[in-house]
Amino acid sequence: MTLRVESLTIYPVKGARGTSVERAEVDVRG
């Protein structure tokens, strides 16, 4: 869960909302 939160915070800052969601799912799955 920690990685998910970090990814969601880092990606949106860069301006990639769609990528943030996909990355979050990948991190959660492992």
N, C-alpha and C. Protein backbone atom coordinates (compact mmCIF):
# COMPACT_ATOMS: atom_id res chain seq x y z
N MET A 1 0.83 -1.21 0.00
CA MET A 1 0.00 0.00 0.00
C MET A 1 0.86 1.26 0.00
N THR A 2 2.00 1.18 0.66
CA THR A 2 2.87 2.36 0.71
C THR A 2 3.33 2.76 -0.69
N LEU A 3 3.75 1.76 -1.48
CA LEU A 3 4.22 2.07 -2.83
C LEU A 3 3.10 2.68 -3.66
N ARG A 4 1.89 2.18 -3.46
CA ARG A 4 0.76 2.69 -4.22
C ARG A 4 0.56 4.19 -3.96
N VAL A 5 0.58 4.57 -2.70
CA VAL A 5 0.38 5.98 -2.35
C VAL A 5 1.50 6.83 -2.96
N GLU A 6 2.73 6.37 -2.85
CA GLU A 6 3.85 7.15 -3.38
C GLU A 6 3.71 7.33 -4.89
N SER A 7 3.38 6.25 -5.59
CA SER A 7 3.24 6.33 -7.04
C SER A 7 2.14 7.32 -7.41
N LEU A 8 1.02 7.21 -6.75
CA LEU A 8 -0.11 8.10 -7.05
C LEU A 8 0.29 9.56 -6.82
N THR A 9 1.16 9.80 -5.85
CA THR A 9 1.58 11.17 -5.56
C THR A 9 2.61 11.66 -6.57
N ILE A 10 3.55 10.80 -6.96
CA ILE A 10 4.62 11.18 -7.88
C ILE A 10 4.08 11.38 -9.30
N TYR A 11 3.27 10.44 -9.76
CA TYR A 11 2.78 10.52 -11.14
C TYR A 11 1.90 11.74 -11.40
N PRO A 12 0.86 11.97 -10.56
CA PRO A 12 -0.01 13.13 -10.78
C PRO A 12 0.79 14.43 -10.86
N VAL A 13 1.86 14.54 -10.10
CA VAL A 13 2.67 15.76 -10.11
C VAL A 13 3.27 15.97 -11.50
N LYS A 14 3.68 14.87 -12.15
CA LYS A 14 4.28 14.98 -13.48
C LYS A 14 3.21 15.30 -14.52
N GLY A 15 1.96 14.93 -14.23
CA GLY A 15 0.88 15.23 -15.17
C GLY A 15 0.44 14.00 -15.92
N ALA A 16 0.47 12.83 -15.25
CA ALA A 16 0.05 11.59 -15.92
C ALA A 16 -0.96 10.87 -15.03
N ARG A 17 -2.21 11.24 -15.16
CA ARG A 17 -3.24 10.63 -14.31
C ARG A 17 -3.50 9.20 -14.73
N GLY A 18 -3.65 8.96 -16.03
CA GLY A 18 -3.92 7.60 -16.51
C GLY A 18 -2.79 6.64 -16.11
N THR A 19 -1.54 7.09 -16.25
CA THR A 19 -0.40 6.24 -15.91
C THR A 19 -0.38 5.96 -14.41
N SER A 20 -0.73 6.95 -13.62
CA SER A 20 -0.71 6.77 -12.15
C SER A 20 -1.63 5.62 -11.76
N VAL A 21 -2.81 5.56 -12.36
CA VAL A 21 -3.77 4.50 -12.02
C VAL A 21 -3.20 3.14 -12.42
N GLU A 22 -2.64 3.04 -13.62
CA GLU A 22 -2.09 1.75 -14.07
C GLU A 22 -0.92 1.34 -13.18
N ARG A 23 -0.04 2.24 -12.89
CA ARG A 23 1.11 1.93 -12.04
C ARG A 23 0.64 1.48 -10.66
N ALA A 24 -0.37 2.14 -10.13
CA ALA A 24 -0.90 1.79 -8.80
C ALA A 24 -1.37 0.34 -8.81
N GLU A 25 -2.10 -0.05 -9.83
CA GLU A 25 -2.59 -1.44 -9.90
C GLU A 25 -1.42 -2.41 -9.95
N VAL A 26 -0.41 -2.10 -10.73
CA VAL A 26 0.76 -2.98 -10.85
C VAL A 26 1.46 -3.10 -9.50
N ASP A 27 1.63 -1.98 -8.81
CA ASP A 27 2.31 -2.01 -7.50
C ASP A 27 1.50 -2.85 -6.50
N VAL A 28 0.21 -2.68 -6.51
CA VAL A 28 -0.64 -3.42 -5.56
C VAL A 28 -0.55 -4.92 -5.83
N ARG A 29 -0.53 -5.31 -7.10
CA ARG A 29 -0.46 -6.74 -7.43
C ARG A 29 0.92 -7.29 -7.08
N GLY A 30 1.94 -6.45 -7.10
CA GLY A 30 3.26 -6.92 -6.73
C GLY A 30 4.11 -7.03 -7.97
